[in-house]
Amino acid sequence: MNVIDWQKEVEQRKEALIDDAKKLLQIKSVLEEDQATEDAPLGEGVKEALDFMLQLGEKDGFTPKNVGNLAGHLEFGQGEEIVGILCHVDVVPEGDGWSSDPYGAEIRDGKIFARGAIDDKGPTMAAYYAMKIVKELELPLNKRVRMIIGTDEESDWRCVDHYFENEEMPAMGFAPDADFPIIYAEKGIADFDLVQSGEGSKYDGEIKATVLSFESGRRYNMVPDFAKASLEVNNEPTEIVQMYADFLKQNDLPGKYYIENGVLILEAEGISAHGMEPNNGKNAGLYMAKFLSELKIDSKARHFFQFATAYFYDESRGKKLGIAYSDDITGDLTINVGKLAFTQENGGRLGLNVRYPVTNNMDDTKGILEGLLKDEHFIIENFTDSKPHHVAEDDFLIQTLKKVYEEQTGEKAELLSIGGGTYARSLKSGVAFGPLFPGREDIAHQKDEYMYIEDMLRATAIYAQAIYELAK
């Protein structure tokens, strides 16, 4: 058999690939549980993106299956074993400050700009066309190839949970949802809320303002880029306004303040980033919490904001909580405070995204945390835990992907570990494989998210050869 020029095969399909990627990116597939229906349990946009992929696959001759409107798959080939390609078509909210329409899929400077361009719709389309190439070349395979399409990866993974309760587990596979060369280890991910259960020590000093409400952040796994607080000020707000103006200036934070119906409103803008490395962003909620913690405010609010500031402001490694941990495989435990809220009626609440190393025991970590929280008058609610994932270096999957990557790029396929969690952890033998090439900026979850067209094409060629090598 002649040697296949995978890149040439991609080039022949370039325009169609880009066109289909644009169509997928133009769907606003953000989780909308308040708009849920039986046919669209996670909202219409998410369902539209799933339907788009299933209909595209059916048109191209793949066998499609919708699994409870939460996930689906496209399959071709024959054999007992399945090679899985695990993708997702949901995206995080677009956030503010974009230079173009977040769902416009505008192409400029060799990049395609849209929410989901790199996470994970662009890579999903690259992997889809890789499957399409292998299928159209009619290459001999002894395994089935199945693209599994999730719709809730950015939140609670209800899609893959439901999928694997009802469908076969692939023998091996990869998720095109992280970095090249190969992600062989992923940290554990625990999401939970710290909920205020008491006021702590009573504040008997002068009270100049009452915090009526405070809110920042939408997702556990995103650094909040906006915060808003409403204060009832006892006298003239001039002093607090001046303090806030100075605070914004000292911390190089955009923000504003104004009176609305007799209530002082404070707003701050931070920098959004993926929750796996909070230090890449600027947490607007924690900055606002720090400012409020320094005011003469009511006891309940004072305790909440001083707690948030003491343990989380400028501290993403859990040192002050006594849960810091690191190992040589996956590095540091990290904590992202992704959601912050306070009202007079309900008190305060912090939504944490904790990413912990593969050798760390989360049960022990949680025990330490609960001991500290008891004294601080906070409790843990809504605890979920996705265990760490690690595939041995000598595994057939890793050895095959190393060979493919090195042949296509001419570069050594180093094994990497990440704080992010991908669908690869759903499989015993699963790794994350691209699409972000070494040296490229990671702009997932940030404004003006993009993917280089050149990288999308290169990734498609790599995925096509990988699918063939794994399934032949």
Protein backbone atom coordinates (compact mmCIF):
# COMPACT_ATOMS: atom_id res chain seq x y z
CA MET A 1 0.00 0.00 0.00
CA ASN A 2 1.25 3.49 -0.84
CA VAL A 3 2.22 5.80 2.01
CA ILE A 4 -0.68 8.14 2.75
CA ASP A 5 -0.05 11.86 2.59
CA TRP A 6 -2.39 12.82 5.39
CA GLN A 7 -1.77 16.55 5.05
CA LYS A 8 -2.64 16.42 1.34
CA GLU A 9 -5.89 14.63 2.16
CA VAL A 10 -6.75 17.41 4.59
CA GLU A 11 -5.92 20.15 2.07
CA GLN A 12 -8.34 18.59 -0.41
CA ARG A 13 -11.12 19.04 2.16
CA LYS A 14 -9.95 22.34 3.60
CA GLU A 15 -12.80 24.59 2.47
CA ALA A 16 -15.50 22.15 3.58
CA LEU A 17 -13.80 21.66 6.94
CA ILE A 18 -13.63 25.40 7.60
CA ASP A 19 -17.20 25.92 6.43
CA ASP A 20 -18.56 23.20 8.73
CA ALA A 21 -16.46 24.49 11.64
CA LYS A 22 -17.94 27.98 11.13
CA LYS A 23 -21.48 26.59 11.12
CA LEU A 24 -20.89 24.71 14.37
CA LEU A 25 -19.22 27.73 16.02
CA GLN A 26 -22.13 29.98 15.08
CA ILE A 27 -24.44 27.95 17.34
CA LYS A 28 -24.65 29.47 20.83
CA SER A 29 -24.40 26.17 22.71
CA VAL A 30 -24.26 27.49 26.29
CA LEU A 31 -25.95 25.54 29.08
CA GLU A 32 -29.44 26.96 29.77
CA GLU A 33 -31.10 24.77 32.37
CA ASP A 34 -33.86 27.31 32.92
CA GLN A 35 -34.84 26.76 29.28
CA ALA A 36 -34.77 22.96 29.52
CA THR A 37 -37.32 20.77 27.80
CA GLU A 38 -37.60 17.00 27.43
CA ASP A 39 -36.06 17.22 23.97
CA ALA A 40 -33.43 19.75 25.07
CA PRO A 41 -32.60 18.97 28.74
CA LEU A 42 -29.65 21.38 28.74
CA GLY A 43 -31.23 24.08 26.57
CA GLU A 44 -31.96 24.60 22.89
CA GLY A 45 -28.50 25.85 21.88
CA VAL A 46 -26.72 22.79 23.23
CA LYS A 47 -29.26 20.49 21.56
CA GLU A 48 -28.87 22.36 18.26
CA ALA A 49 -25.10 21.76 18.29
CA LEU A 50 -25.57 18.04 19.04
CA ASP A 51 -28.15 17.72 16.25
CA PHE A 52 -25.83 19.54 13.85
CA MET A 53 -23.06 16.99 14.37
CA LEU A 54 -25.38 13.97 14.20
CA GLN A 55 -27.02 15.23 10.99
CA LEU A 56 -23.65 16.03 9.42
CA GLY A 57 -22.42 12.54 10.24
CA GLU A 58 -25.52 10.88 8.85
CA LYS A 59 -25.15 12.85 5.61
CA ASP A 60 -21.54 11.66 5.30
CA GLY A 61 -22.42 8.01 5.83
CA PHE A 62 -21.59 7.50 9.51
CA THR A 63 -24.00 5.65 11.79
CA PRO A 64 -25.48 8.26 14.15
CA LYS A 65 -27.14 7.75 17.52
CA ASN A 66 -28.74 10.26 19.85
CA VAL A 67 -28.42 9.10 23.46
CA GLY A 68 -31.14 10.77 25.50
CA ASN A 69 -30.56 14.22 23.96
CA LEU A 70 -27.59 14.52 26.34
CA ALA A 71 -24.95 12.93 24.12
CA GLY A 72 -24.58 11.09 20.86
CA HIS A 73 -22.15 9.25 18.66
CA LEU A 74 -21.07 8.76 15.06
CA GLU A 75 -19.55 5.42 14.11
CA PHE A 76 -17.99 3.54 11.21
CA GLY A 77 -15.90 0.41 10.74
CA GLN A 78 -16.25 -3.13 12.03
CA GLY A 79 -14.83 -5.13 14.90
CA GLU A 80 -15.44 -5.95 18.53
CA GLU A 81 -13.33 -3.17 20.01
CA ILE A 82 -14.04 0.53 19.73
CA VAL A 83 -11.55 3.37 19.33
CA GLY A 84 -13.24 6.37 20.93
CA ILE A 85 -12.82 10.03 20.05
CA LEU A 86 -14.37 12.00 22.89
CA CYS A 87 -15.49 15.53 22.04
CA HIS A 88 -17.94 18.12 23.34
CA VAL A 89 -20.01 20.81 21.66
CA ASP A 90 -21.08 22.85 24.70
CA VAL A 91 -19.16 26.04 25.50
CA VAL A 92 -18.72 28.31 28.51
CA PRO A 93 -20.55 31.67 28.47
CA GLU A 94 -18.91 34.15 26.13
CA GLY A 95 -18.20 36.84 28.73
CA ASP A 96 -17.51 40.46 27.84
CA GLY A 97 -14.98 42.48 25.87
CA TRP A 98 -14.86 40.62 22.54
CA SER A 99 -13.46 42.35 19.45
CA SER A 100 -16.03 40.60 17.25
CA ASP A 101 -19.24 38.61 17.66
CA PRO A 102 -18.40 35.63 19.94
CA TYR A 103 -20.57 33.47 17.70
CA GLY A 104 -19.64 35.09 14.41
CA ALA A 105 -16.78 32.67 13.64
CA GLU A 106 -14.95 35.53 11.96
CA ILE A 107 -11.68 34.67 10.23
CA ARG A 108 -8.88 37.21 10.41
CA ASP A 109 -5.08 37.00 10.56
CA GLY A 110 -5.23 33.28 9.85
CA LYS A 111 -7.38 32.58 12.92
CA ILE A 112 -11.02 31.72 13.45
CA PHE A 113 -12.51 33.67 16.38
CA ALA A 114 -15.45 32.32 18.37
CA ARG A 115 -16.39 30.94 21.75
CA GLY A 116 -15.50 27.26 21.42
CA ALA A 117 -12.92 27.76 18.66
CA ILE A 118 -10.24 25.92 20.65
CA ASP A 119 -12.53 24.40 23.33
CA ASP A 120 -13.88 22.27 21.81
CA LYS A 121 -15.77 22.86 18.57
CA GLY A 122 -12.78 23.58 16.33
CA PRO A 123 -10.99 20.41 17.52
CA THR A 124 -14.24 18.43 17.26
CA MET A 125 -14.55 19.35 13.60
CA ALA A 126 -10.88 18.52 13.02
CA ALA A 127 -11.43 15.06 14.54
CA TYR A 128 -14.63 14.63 12.53
CA TYR A 129 -12.84 15.33 9.25
CA ALA A 130 -10.05 12.98 10.34
CA MET A 131 -12.66 10.21 10.65
CA LYS A 132 -14.13 11.25 7.31
CA ILE A 133 -10.73 10.96 5.60
CA VAL A 134 -10.09 7.46 6.97
CA LYS A 135 -13.60 6.39 5.96
CA GLU A 136 -13.43 7.87 2.46
CA LEU A 137 -10.02 6.26 1.80
CA GLU A 138 -11.67 2.90 2.61
CA LEU A 139 -8.69 1.86 4.71
CA PRO A 140 -8.82 -1.63 6.25
CA LEU A 141 -9.72 -1.52 9.97
CA ASN A 142 -10.33 -4.23 12.54
CA LYS A 143 -11.93 -1.93 15.12
CA ARG A 144 -14.91 0.37 15.08
CA VAL A 145 -14.22 4.10 15.27
CA ARG A 146 -16.70 6.12 17.29
CA MET A 147 -16.88 9.86 17.91
CA ILE A 148 -18.70 10.41 21.21
CA ILE A 149 -20.25 13.87 21.39
CA GLY A 150 -20.94 15.37 24.81
CA THR A 151 -23.02 18.42 25.68
CA ASP A 152 -22.23 19.13 29.35
CA GLU A 153 -18.43 18.95 29.59
CA GLU A 154 -18.14 22.53 30.85
CA SER A 155 -20.45 21.88 33.79
CA ASP A 156 -21.47 18.58 35.37
CA TRP A 157 -20.63 15.87 32.79
CA ARG A 158 -24.21 14.61 32.84
CA CYS A 159 -23.74 13.80 29.16
CA VAL A 160 -20.97 11.20 29.51
CA ASP A 161 -22.45 9.87 32.73
CA HIS A 162 -25.69 9.17 30.89
CA TYR A 163 -23.88 7.96 27.78
CA PHE A 164 -21.77 5.31 29.51
CA GLU A 165 -24.75 4.12 31.54
CA ASN A 166 -26.36 3.18 28.23
CA GLU A 167 -23.58 2.54 25.71
CA GLU A 168 -20.38 0.52 25.26
CA MET A 169 -17.12 1.75 26.72
CA PRO A 170 -14.36 2.11 24.07
CA ALA A 171 -11.27 -0.02 24.64
CA MET A 172 -9.12 3.07 24.15
CA GLY A 173 -9.40 6.58 22.83
CA PHE A 174 -8.41 10.21 22.91
CA ALA A 175 -10.00 13.58 23.54
CA PRO A 176 -8.98 16.42 21.21
CA ASP A 177 -9.46 18.93 24.01
CA ALA A 178 -6.12 19.97 25.47
CA ASP A 179 -2.48 20.14 24.32
CA PHE A 180 -0.13 18.31 22.00
CA PRO A 181 1.93 16.18 22.26
CA ILE A 182 0.08 13.85 24.72
CA ILE A 183 -1.65 14.45 28.07
CA TYR A 184 -1.17 11.21 29.97
CA ALA A 185 -2.17 12.47 33.43
CA GLU A 186 -5.00 14.72 34.59
CA LYS A 187 -5.60 16.09 38.06
CA GLY A 188 -8.64 15.17 40.08
CA ILE A 189 -11.37 17.81 40.06
CA ALA A 190 -13.61 18.54 43.02
CA ASP A 191 -16.36 21.16 42.80
CA PHE A 192 -18.23 22.28 45.89
CA ASP A 193 -19.73 25.25 47.73
CA LEU A 194 -18.61 26.74 51.01
CA VAL A 195 -21.78 28.07 52.60
CA GLN A 196 -21.83 30.52 55.52
CA SER A 197 -23.57 28.95 58.52
CA GLY A 198 -23.02 31.70 61.11
CA GLU A 199 -21.69 35.20 61.67
CA GLY A 200 -18.58 34.36 63.66
CA SER A 201 -17.58 36.92 66.25
CA LYS A 202 -19.99 39.84 66.53
CA TYR A 203 -18.75 43.21 65.24
CA ASP A 204 -19.59 45.94 67.77
CA GLY A 205 -17.87 48.83 66.06
CA GLU A 206 -19.35 51.63 63.99
CA ILE A 207 -21.28 50.39 60.92
CA LYS A 208 -21.12 52.72 57.93
CA ALA A 209 -22.82 50.44 55.40
CA THR A 210 -24.88 47.27 55.04
CA VAL A 211 -24.10 44.93 52.16
CA LEU A 212 -27.45 44.12 50.56
CA SER A 213 -26.10 41.83 47.86
CA PHE A 214 -22.90 40.74 46.14
CA GLU A 215 -22.39 38.48 43.14
CA SER A 216 -19.50 37.37 40.96
CA GLY A 217 -18.85 34.46 38.62
CA ARG A 218 -20.96 31.99 36.66
CA ARG A 219 -19.01 28.72 36.68
CA TYR A 220 -16.77 26.81 39.05
CA ASN A 221 -14.14 26.40 36.34
CA MET A 222 -13.85 30.03 35.23
CA VAL A 223 -12.04 32.91 36.92
CA PRO A 224 -14.78 35.56 37.37
CA ASP A 225 -14.25 38.68 35.29
CA PHE A 226 -17.01 40.80 36.82
CA ALA A 227 -18.28 41.57 40.33
CA LYS A 228 -21.12 43.73 41.62
CA ALA A 229 -22.05 44.77 45.15
CA SER A 230 -25.03 46.76 46.44
CA LEU A 231 -24.56 48.75 49.67
CA GLU A 232 -26.97 50.68 51.85
CA VAL A 233 -24.85 53.52 53.19
CA ASN A 234 -25.81 55.07 56.53
CA ASN A 235 -24.63 58.60 55.71
CA GLU A 236 -23.10 60.25 52.66
CA PRO A 237 -21.36 57.68 50.38
CA THR A 238 -18.48 60.05 49.61
CA GLU A 239 -15.94 58.35 51.89
CA ILE A 240 -16.67 54.83 50.60
CA VAL A 241 -16.70 56.03 46.98
CA GLN A 242 -13.29 57.67 47.42
CA MET A 243 -11.90 54.55 49.07
CA TYR A 244 -13.23 52.43 46.19
CA ALA A 245 -11.81 54.75 43.54
CA ASP A 246 -8.40 54.52 45.24
CA PHE A 247 -8.73 50.71 45.48
CA LEU A 248 -9.47 50.37 41.76
CA LYS A 249 -6.51 52.56 40.89
CA GLN A 250 -4.08 50.76 43.24
CA ASN A 251 -5.04 47.38 41.82
CA ASP A 252 -5.23 48.47 38.18
CA LEU A 253 -8.87 47.33 38.00
CA PRO A 254 -11.48 48.78 35.68
CA GLY A 255 -14.69 49.49 37.57
CA LYS A 256 -17.37 51.99 38.40
CA TYR A 257 -19.67 53.18 41.17
CA TYR A 258 -23.07 54.87 41.09
CA ILE A 259 -26.25 55.44 43.07
CA GLU A 260 -29.39 53.57 42.03
CA ASN A 261 -32.64 54.03 43.97
CA GLY A 262 -30.68 55.26 46.96
CA VAL A 263 -28.34 52.23 46.94
CA LEU A 264 -24.59 52.48 46.26
CA ILE A 265 -23.57 50.09 43.47
CA LEU A 266 -19.93 49.03 43.10
CA GLU A 267 -18.70 47.16 40.02
CA ALA A 268 -15.29 45.71 39.15
CA GLU A 269 -13.87 44.03 36.06
CA GLY A 270 -11.23 41.30 36.26
CA ILE A 271 -9.68 38.98 33.70
CA SER A 272 -11.31 35.66 32.91
CA ALA A 273 -9.24 32.48 32.59
CA HIS A 274 -9.69 28.72 32.83
CA GLY A 275 -10.07 27.58 36.43
CA MET A 276 -7.24 25.04 36.12
CA GLU A 277 -4.74 27.89 36.61
CA PRO A 278 -6.39 30.77 38.50
CA ASN A 279 -3.18 32.79 38.41
CA ASN A 280 -3.68 33.32 34.66
CA GLY A 281 -6.71 35.49 35.45
CA LYS A 282 -7.70 38.29 37.76
CA ASN A 283 -10.60 37.31 40.03
CA ALA A 284 -12.97 40.29 40.15
CA GLY A 285 -14.98 38.67 42.94
CA LEU A 286 -12.01 38.25 45.25
CA TYR A 287 -10.84 41.80 44.60
CA MET A 288 -14.30 43.10 45.48
CA ALA A 289 -14.38 40.84 48.56
CA LYS A 290 -11.06 42.27 49.72
CA PHE A 291 -12.35 45.83 49.39
CA LEU A 292 -15.58 45.06 51.25
CA SER A 293 -13.68 43.23 54.00
CA GLU A 294 -11.91 46.47 54.88
CA LEU A 295 -15.11 48.50 55.32
CA LYS A 296 -17.11 49.04 58.50
CA ILE A 297 -20.02 46.82 57.52
CA ASP A 298 -22.59 44.61 59.24
CA SER A 299 -21.37 41.49 61.09
CA LYS A 300 -22.68 38.81 58.71
CA ALA A 301 -21.16 40.44 55.63
CA ARG A 302 -17.98 41.36 57.47
CA HIS A 303 -17.36 37.74 58.48
CA PHE A 304 -18.03 36.43 54.97
CA PHE A 305 -15.79 38.89 53.17
CA GLN A 306 -12.99 38.61 55.71
CA PHE A 307 -13.13 34.79 55.40
CA ALA A 308 -13.01 34.94 51.59
CA THR A 309 -10.12 37.39 51.68
CA ALA A 310 -8.10 35.62 54.36
CA TYR A 311 -8.13 32.21 52.67
CA PHE A 312 -8.43 32.93 48.93
CA TYR A 313 -7.29 36.43 47.97
CA ASP A 314 -4.00 36.11 46.04
CA GLU A 315 -3.79 32.48 47.20
CA SER A 316 -4.67 29.69 44.77
CA ARG A 317 -2.63 26.80 46.25
CA GLY A 318 -4.55 26.05 49.45
CA LYS A 319 -1.69 26.97 51.77
CA LYS A 320 -3.80 29.07 54.13
CA LEU A 321 -6.43 26.34 54.26
CA GLY A 322 -3.77 23.76 55.15
CA ILE A 323 -4.46 21.60 52.09
CA ALA A 324 -1.51 22.49 49.84
CA TYR A 325 -0.14 19.47 47.94
CA SER A 326 2.13 18.80 44.98
CA ASP A 327 3.61 15.81 43.16
CA ASP A 328 6.07 15.25 40.32
CA ILE A 329 3.42 13.96 37.91
CA THR A 330 0.80 16.70 37.97
CA GLY A 331 2.25 19.52 40.09
CA ASP A 332 0.33 21.71 42.56
CA LEU A 333 -3.15 21.46 43.95
CA THR A 334 -5.00 24.59 42.76
CA ILE A 335 -8.16 26.35 43.94
CA ASN A 336 -10.34 28.57 41.78
CA VAL A 337 -13.10 30.56 43.46
CA GLY A 338 -15.44 30.56 40.48
CA LYS A 339 -18.68 31.72 42.08
CA LEU A 340 -19.19 34.20 44.91
CA ALA A 341 -22.48 35.46 46.33
CA PHE A 342 -23.88 37.17 49.41
CA THR A 343 -27.33 38.35 50.48
CA GLN A 344 -28.64 39.44 53.85
CA GLU A 345 -31.22 36.64 53.75
CA ASN A 346 -28.90 33.74 52.83
CA GLY A 347 -25.45 34.90 53.91
CA GLY A 348 -22.41 34.12 51.81
CA ARG A 349 -21.46 31.32 49.43
CA LEU A 350 -18.23 30.49 47.59
CA GLY A 351 -18.13 28.00 44.70
CA LEU A 352 -14.72 26.27 44.56
CA ASN A 353 -13.04 24.31 41.79
CA VAL A 354 -10.19 22.29 43.35
CA ARG A 355 -7.79 20.48 41.02
CA TYR A 356 -5.61 18.02 42.87
CA PRO A 357 -2.58 15.87 41.93
CA VAL A 358 -2.91 12.22 40.97
CA THR A 359 -1.23 11.05 44.21
CA ASN A 360 -3.37 13.26 46.46
CA ASN A 361 -6.18 11.72 48.54
CA MET A 362 -9.23 13.98 48.27
CA ASP A 363 -10.98 12.31 51.21
CA ASP A 364 -8.09 13.37 53.48
CA THR A 365 -8.08 16.86 51.97
CA LYS A 366 -11.82 17.24 52.50
CA GLY A 367 -11.43 16.11 56.12
CA ILE A 368 -8.81 18.79 56.81
CA LEU A 369 -11.02 21.40 55.18
CA GLU A 370 -14.11 20.42 57.17
CA GLY A 371 -12.16 20.77 60.42
CA LEU A 372 -11.13 24.32 59.56
CA LEU A 373 -14.56 25.30 58.27
CA LYS A 374 -16.31 24.27 61.47
CA ASP A 375 -14.41 26.91 63.42
CA GLU A 376 -15.08 29.48 60.68
CA HIS A 377 -18.84 28.84 60.59
CA PHE A 378 -18.94 27.46 57.05
CA ILE A 379 -20.14 24.10 55.72
CA ILE A 380 -19.54 22.18 52.48
CA GLU A 381 -22.47 21.61 50.12
CA ASN A 382 -22.90 20.19 46.58
CA PHE A 383 -19.63 18.23 46.69
CA THR A 384 -18.67 16.39 43.49
CA ASP A 385 -15.37 14.66 42.77
CA SER A 386 -13.90 13.43 39.48
CA LYS A 387 -10.92 11.26 40.39
CA PRO A 388 -7.45 11.81 38.84
CA HIS A 389 -6.51 9.98 35.66
CA HIS A 390 -3.16 8.47 34.66
CA VAL A 391 -2.18 6.14 31.78
CA ALA A 392 1.14 4.25 31.87
CA GLU A 393 3.79 5.36 29.37
CA ASP A 394 4.15 1.87 27.85
CA ASP A 395 0.42 1.62 27.02
CA PHE A 396 -0.32 0.78 23.34
CA LEU A 397 -2.39 3.95 23.00
CA ILE A 398 0.43 6.23 24.14
CA GLN A 399 3.10 4.45 22.11
CA THR A 400 0.95 4.70 18.98
CA LEU A 401 0.14 8.38 19.44
CA LYS A 402 3.80 9.16 20.13
CA LYS A 403 4.76 7.50 16.84
CA VAL A 404 2.11 9.43 14.89
CA TYR A 405 2.95 12.80 16.43
CA GLU A 406 6.67 12.40 15.87
CA GLU A 407 6.22 11.28 12.26
CA GLN A 408 3.94 14.20 11.42
CA THR A 409 5.76 16.98 13.27
CA GLY A 410 9.37 15.81 13.42
CA GLU A 411 9.34 16.72 17.11
CA LYS A 412 9.66 14.54 20.20
CA ALA A 413 6.32 13.57 21.74
CA GLU A 414 6.79 14.57 25.38
CA LEU A 415 4.23 13.30 27.87
CA LEU A 416 2.41 16.07 29.72
CA SER A 417 0.12 16.39 32.70
CA ILE A 418 -2.60 19.00 33.16
CA GLY A 419 -4.88 20.52 35.73
CA GLY A 420 -7.73 20.52 33.26
CA GLY A 421 -10.14 17.64 33.03
CA THR A 422 -11.07 16.13 29.67
CA TYR A 423 -13.39 13.35 28.64
CA ALA A 424 -10.29 11.15 28.31
CA ARG A 425 -10.65 10.37 32.01
CA SER A 426 -13.89 8.54 31.19
CA LEU A 427 -11.80 5.74 29.65
CA LYS A 428 -9.36 3.44 31.42
CA SER A 429 -7.01 3.84 28.46
CA GLY A 430 -7.73 7.42 27.40
CA VAL A 431 -5.55 10.48 26.88
CA ALA A 432 -5.99 14.06 25.75
CA PHE A 433 -4.32 14.62 22.39
CA GLY A 434 -4.09 18.18 21.08
CA PRO A 435 -5.17 20.45 19.54
CA LEU A 436 -2.99 23.16 21.09
CA PHE A 437 0.53 22.91 19.67
CA PRO A 438 3.60 23.71 21.78
CA GLY A 439 4.27 27.44 21.93
CA ARG A 440 0.70 28.48 21.16
CA GLU A 441 -1.14 30.67 23.65
CA ASP A 442 -3.95 28.94 25.52
CA ILE A 443 -6.97 31.22 25.24
CA ALA A 444 -9.72 28.74 26.17
CA HIS A 445 -12.45 30.40 28.27
CA GLN A 446 -11.05 33.86 27.51
CA LYS A 447 -12.42 36.69 25.40
CA ASP A 448 -11.45 36.60 21.70
CA GLU A 449 -10.93 32.83 21.85
CA TYR A 450 -9.49 31.59 18.56
CA MET A 451 -7.85 28.72 16.74
CA TYR A 452 -5.27 29.05 13.97
CA ILE A 453 -6.66 27.65 10.71
CA GLU A 454 -3.22 26.17 10.05
CA ASP A 455 -3.35 24.35 13.40
CA MET A 456 -6.84 23.02 12.72
CA LEU A 457 -5.57 21.50 9.46
CA ARG A 458 -2.40 20.09 11.04
CA ALA A 459 -4.42 18.57 13.88
CA THR A 460 -6.82 16.97 11.38
CA ALA A 461 -3.94 15.21 9.63
CA ILE A 462 -2.51 13.98 12.94
CA TYR A 463 -5.92 12.73 14.08
CA ALA A 464 -6.54 10.95 10.77
CA GLN A 465 -3.29 9.00 10.99
CA ALA A 466 -3.88 8.31 14.70
CA ILE A 467 -7.37 6.90 14.02
CA TYR A 468 -5.98 4.66 11.29
CA GLU A 469 -3.00 3.44 13.36
CA LEU A 470 -5.19 2.68 16.39
CA ALA A 471 -7.95 0.92 14.46
CA LYS A 472 -6.11 -0.90 11.67
